[in-house]
N, C-alpha and C. Protein backbone atom coordinates (compact mmCIF):
# COMPACT_ATOMS: atom_id res chain seq x y z
N MET A 1 0.84 -1.21 0.01
CA MET A 1 0.02 -0.03 0.03
C MET A 1 0.90 1.21 0.01
N SER A 2 0.51 2.21 -0.80
CA SER A 2 1.41 3.38 -0.92
C SER A 2 0.88 4.48 0.06
N THR A 3 1.79 5.34 0.46
CA THR A 3 1.48 6.46 1.34
C THR A 3 0.94 7.58 0.46
N PRO A 4 0.30 8.55 1.12
CA PRO A 4 -0.21 9.72 0.36
C PRO A 4 1.00 10.44 -0.30
N ILE A 5 2.12 10.48 0.27
CA ILE A 5 3.31 11.11 -0.37
C ILE A 5 3.72 10.35 -1.54
N GLU A 6 3.70 9.00 -1.45
CA GLU A 6 4.12 8.20 -2.62
C GLU A 6 3.07 8.35 -3.74
N SER A 7 1.85 8.36 -3.44
CA SER A 7 0.87 8.59 -4.44
C SER A 7 0.98 9.92 -5.16
N ARG A 8 1.22 11.01 -4.34
CA ARG A 8 1.45 12.31 -4.98
C ARG A 8 2.67 12.32 -5.89
N GLN A 9 3.75 11.69 -5.38
CA GLN A 9 4.91 11.66 -6.16
C GLN A 9 4.69 10.88 -7.45
N ALA A 10 3.96 9.80 -7.40
CA ALA A 10 3.67 9.00 -8.62
C ALA A 10 2.84 9.82 -9.58
N ARG A 11 1.91 10.66 -9.11
CA ARG A 11 1.04 11.45 -9.95
C ARG A 11 1.87 12.49 -10.61
N VAL A 12 2.86 13.16 -9.93
CA VAL A 12 3.71 14.13 -10.51
C VAL A 12 4.64 13.52 -11.52
N ILE A 13 5.08 12.38 -11.28
CA ILE A 13 5.97 11.61 -12.26
C ILE A 13 5.14 11.35 -13.52
N ASP A 14 3.92 10.83 -13.32
CA ASP A 14 3.11 10.58 -14.50
C ASP A 14 2.87 11.79 -15.37
N GLU A 15 2.57 12.88 -14.67
CA GLU A 15 2.30 14.16 -15.37
C GLU A 15 3.60 14.61 -16.16
N LEU A 16 4.75 14.45 -15.51
CA LEU A 16 5.97 14.87 -16.13
C LEU A 16 6.37 14.03 -17.31
N ARG A 17 6.01 12.68 -17.22
CA ARG A 17 6.22 11.78 -18.29
C ARG A 17 5.40 12.15 -19.51
N VAL A 18 4.16 12.52 -19.37
CA VAL A 18 3.34 12.99 -20.44
C VAL A 18 3.89 14.25 -21.04
N PHE A 19 4.31 15.24 -20.17
CA PHE A 19 4.86 16.49 -20.66
C PHE A 19 6.11 16.20 -21.45
N ILE A 20 7.03 15.40 -20.99
CA ILE A 20 8.28 15.13 -21.73
C ILE A 20 8.00 14.52 -23.02
N LYS A 21 7.04 13.56 -23.11
CA LYS A 21 6.70 12.97 -24.39
C LYS A 21 6.23 14.04 -25.36
N LYS A 22 5.37 15.00 -24.86
CA LYS A 22 4.94 16.03 -25.75
C LYS A 22 6.07 16.91 -26.31
N VAL A 23 7.01 17.28 -25.40
CA VAL A 23 8.13 18.05 -25.82
C VAL A 23 9.05 17.36 -26.86
N LEU A 24 9.24 16.12 -26.57
CA LEU A 24 10.03 15.36 -27.49
C LEU A 24 9.36 15.18 -28.85
N SER A 25 8.01 15.04 -28.85
CA SER A 25 7.33 14.86 -30.15
C SER A 25 7.15 16.21 -30.90
N ASP A 26 7.19 17.29 -30.16
CA ASP A 26 7.12 18.61 -30.79
C ASP A 26 8.11 19.57 -30.21
N PRO A 27 9.35 19.60 -30.69
CA PRO A 27 10.44 20.38 -30.11
C PRO A 27 10.17 21.96 -30.10
N THR A 28 9.18 22.33 -30.78
CA THR A 28 8.88 23.81 -30.75
C THR A 28 8.20 24.23 -29.41
N ILE A 29 7.73 23.21 -28.76
CA ILE A 29 7.08 23.60 -27.43
C ILE A 29 7.99 24.28 -26.53
N ALA A 30 9.19 23.84 -26.35
CA ALA A 30 10.20 24.45 -25.47
C ALA A 30 10.50 25.86 -25.93
N VAL A 31 10.79 26.05 -27.21
CA VAL A 31 11.07 27.34 -27.76
C VAL A 31 9.89 28.33 -27.51
N LYS A 32 8.73 27.90 -27.83
CA LYS A 32 7.52 28.71 -27.63
C LYS A 32 7.29 29.12 -26.22
N SER A 33 7.47 28.11 -25.32
CA SER A 33 7.26 28.33 -23.87
C SER A 33 8.16 29.41 -23.43
N ILE A 34 9.46 29.32 -23.75
CA ILE A 34 10.46 30.30 -23.27
C ILE A 34 10.18 31.69 -23.89
N ASP A 35 9.77 31.73 -25.12
CA ASP A 35 9.49 33.01 -25.79
C ASP A 35 8.24 33.68 -25.12
N ILE A 36 7.30 32.85 -24.77
CA ILE A 36 6.12 33.30 -24.06
C ILE A 36 6.50 33.85 -22.70
N ALA A 37 7.32 33.12 -21.99
CA ALA A 37 7.78 33.50 -20.66
C ALA A 37 8.53 34.83 -20.70
N ARG A 38 9.40 35.03 -21.65
CA ARG A 38 10.12 36.19 -21.81
C ARG A 38 9.19 37.48 -21.92
N LYS A 39 8.08 37.24 -22.70
CA LYS A 39 7.19 38.32 -22.95
C LYS A 39 6.46 38.77 -21.71
N TYR A 40 6.10 37.86 -20.81
CA TYR A 40 5.30 38.18 -19.66
C TYR A 40 6.09 38.22 -18.33
N ARG A 41 7.27 37.79 -18.29
CA ARG A 41 8.03 37.72 -17.10
C ARG A 41 8.06 38.84 -16.14
N SER A 42 8.10 40.05 -16.63
CA SER A 42 8.27 41.19 -15.70
C SER A 42 6.82 41.75 -15.26
N GLN A 43 5.79 41.14 -15.74
CA GLN A 43 4.48 41.65 -15.46
C GLN A 43 3.92 40.98 -14.09
N PRO A 44 2.97 41.74 -13.44
CA PRO A 44 2.32 41.16 -12.25
C PRO A 44 1.57 39.93 -12.80
N ASP A 45 1.52 38.95 -11.92
CA ASP A 45 0.78 37.62 -12.20
C ASP A 45 1.35 37.04 -13.47
N SER A 46 2.69 37.12 -13.64
CA SER A 46 3.29 36.61 -14.79
C SER A 46 3.10 35.12 -14.98
N ASP A 47 3.17 34.37 -13.95
CA ASP A 47 3.01 32.88 -14.06
C ASP A 47 1.61 32.57 -14.61
N GLU A 48 0.66 33.25 -14.24
CA GLU A 48 -0.71 33.03 -14.72
C GLU A 48 -0.79 33.37 -16.17
N LEU A 49 -0.25 34.48 -16.62
CA LEU A 49 -0.21 34.90 -17.99
C LEU A 49 0.54 33.93 -18.80
N ILE A 50 1.66 33.48 -18.32
CA ILE A 50 2.47 32.47 -19.08
C ILE A 50 1.71 31.23 -19.26
N ALA A 51 1.21 30.75 -18.10
CA ALA A 51 0.45 29.50 -18.21
C ALA A 51 -0.81 29.46 -19.22
N ARG A 52 -1.51 30.61 -19.28
CA ARG A 52 -2.61 30.82 -20.16
C ARG A 52 -2.17 30.78 -21.60
N GLU A 53 -1.08 31.51 -21.90
CA GLU A 53 -0.62 31.57 -23.25
C GLU A 53 0.08 30.36 -23.67
N ILE A 54 0.80 29.63 -22.92
CA ILE A 54 1.30 28.36 -23.28
C ILE A 54 0.21 27.43 -23.61
N SER A 55 -0.86 27.37 -22.81
CA SER A 55 -2.04 26.50 -23.01
C SER A 55 -2.73 26.82 -24.36
N ALA A 56 -2.76 28.09 -24.66
CA ALA A 56 -3.47 28.53 -25.87
C ALA A 56 -2.62 28.33 -27.17
N ASN A 57 -1.29 28.25 -26.99
CA ASN A 57 -0.51 28.27 -28.20
C ASN A 57 0.34 26.99 -28.39
N THR A 58 0.30 25.99 -27.50
CA THR A 58 0.94 24.76 -27.57
C THR A 58 0.04 23.61 -27.23
N THR A 59 0.52 22.35 -27.35
CA THR A 59 -0.28 21.22 -26.89
C THR A 59 -0.19 20.97 -25.39
N ILE A 60 0.58 21.86 -24.69
CA ILE A 60 0.66 21.74 -23.26
C ILE A 60 -0.60 22.44 -22.67
N ARG A 61 -1.27 21.72 -21.82
CA ARG A 61 -2.49 22.34 -21.14
C ARG A 61 -2.18 22.56 -19.63
N ILE A 62 -2.25 23.72 -19.25
CA ILE A 62 -2.10 24.09 -17.76
C ILE A 62 -3.44 24.54 -17.29
N PRO A 63 -4.00 23.79 -16.51
CA PRO A 63 -5.40 24.13 -16.06
C PRO A 63 -5.36 25.31 -15.10
N GLU A 64 -6.62 25.85 -14.80
CA GLU A 64 -6.64 27.01 -13.84
C GLU A 64 -6.05 26.63 -12.49
N LYS A 65 -6.41 25.39 -12.04
CA LYS A 65 -5.89 24.88 -10.75
C LYS A 65 -4.62 24.08 -11.07
N TRP A 66 -3.44 24.65 -10.72
CA TRP A 66 -2.19 24.02 -11.11
C TRP A 66 -1.85 22.84 -10.19
N SER A 67 -1.28 21.76 -10.83
CA SER A 67 -0.74 20.65 -10.17
C SER A 67 0.69 20.95 -9.76
N GLU A 68 1.25 20.07 -8.98
CA GLU A 68 2.69 20.25 -8.67
C GLU A 68 3.60 20.23 -9.89
N ALA A 69 3.24 19.35 -10.86
CA ALA A 69 3.95 19.34 -12.06
C ALA A 69 3.86 20.60 -12.85
N ASP A 70 2.65 21.23 -12.88
CA ASP A 70 2.49 22.52 -13.61
C ASP A 70 3.34 23.59 -12.90
N ARG A 71 3.31 23.62 -11.63
CA ARG A 71 4.09 24.66 -10.89
C ARG A 71 5.63 24.43 -11.12
N MET A 72 5.98 23.10 -11.21
CA MET A 72 7.36 22.78 -11.43
C MET A 72 7.83 23.22 -12.80
N PHE A 73 6.97 23.09 -13.81
CA PHE A 73 7.27 23.48 -15.15
C PHE A 73 7.49 24.97 -15.22
N LEU A 74 6.56 25.75 -14.60
CA LEU A 74 6.72 27.21 -14.56
C LEU A 74 7.88 27.58 -13.88
N GLU A 75 8.28 26.94 -12.80
CA GLU A 75 9.49 27.30 -12.01
C GLU A 75 10.76 26.94 -12.85
N ILE A 76 10.69 25.90 -13.58
CA ILE A 76 11.85 25.59 -14.40
C ILE A 76 12.01 26.60 -15.57
N ILE A 77 10.94 26.99 -16.12
CA ILE A 77 11.01 28.06 -17.14
C ILE A 77 11.63 29.39 -16.53
N ASP A 78 11.28 29.70 -15.33
CA ASP A 78 11.82 30.91 -14.72
C ASP A 78 13.36 30.68 -14.45
N GLU A 79 13.74 29.50 -14.10
CA GLU A 79 15.14 29.17 -13.85
C GLU A 79 15.97 29.25 -15.14
N VAL A 80 15.36 28.76 -16.14
CA VAL A 80 16.05 28.82 -17.54
C VAL A 80 16.30 30.29 -17.94
N LEU A 81 15.28 31.14 -17.68
CA LEU A 81 15.47 32.53 -18.00
C LEU A 81 16.43 33.25 -17.04
N ASP A 82 16.47 32.86 -15.76
CA ASP A 82 17.48 33.34 -14.88
C ASP A 82 18.93 33.00 -15.35
N ASP A 83 19.03 31.83 -15.82
CA ASP A 83 20.33 31.37 -16.34
C ASP A 83 20.75 32.09 -17.59
N GLU A 84 19.75 32.29 -18.38
CA GLU A 84 19.95 33.09 -19.66
C GLU A 84 20.39 34.49 -19.30
N GLU A 85 19.75 35.14 -18.39
CA GLU A 85 20.14 36.50 -17.99
C GLU A 85 21.52 36.53 -17.37
N ALA A 86 21.93 35.48 -16.65
CA ALA A 86 23.25 35.45 -16.00
C ALA A 86 24.35 35.42 -17.10
N LEU A 87 24.08 34.83 -18.23
CA LEU A 87 25.04 34.71 -19.26
C LEU A 87 25.40 36.07 -19.87
N TYR A 88 24.47 37.05 -19.78
CA TYR A 88 24.68 38.29 -20.43
C TYR A 88 25.06 39.39 -19.54
C-alpha cells in the first residue's frame, strides 16, 4: 500500500512523463514556452499569464488549478530565464 506522499509523487511523475513525451514529439514547445515567458516575465501575475498563453499556443495544457507538475514546469522556465540572463 502506498502512502499519500508516494501517491502524490507518482502522480507528479506521470504528469511529467506525459509532458516530456509532448516536448520530444514537438520540439517547438520548449522554444514557444520560453518565448512566451520572456514576454510576460516582468508583469504582475506573470506565471498566470504565461500558463494561459502556453495552453493557448501549444499542446501543453495548464489548467486553472495547477498541479505540482504544472508549478514545477513554470519554475523551471523561470530558472532557464534566470540562467539566460546570467550569461549576459
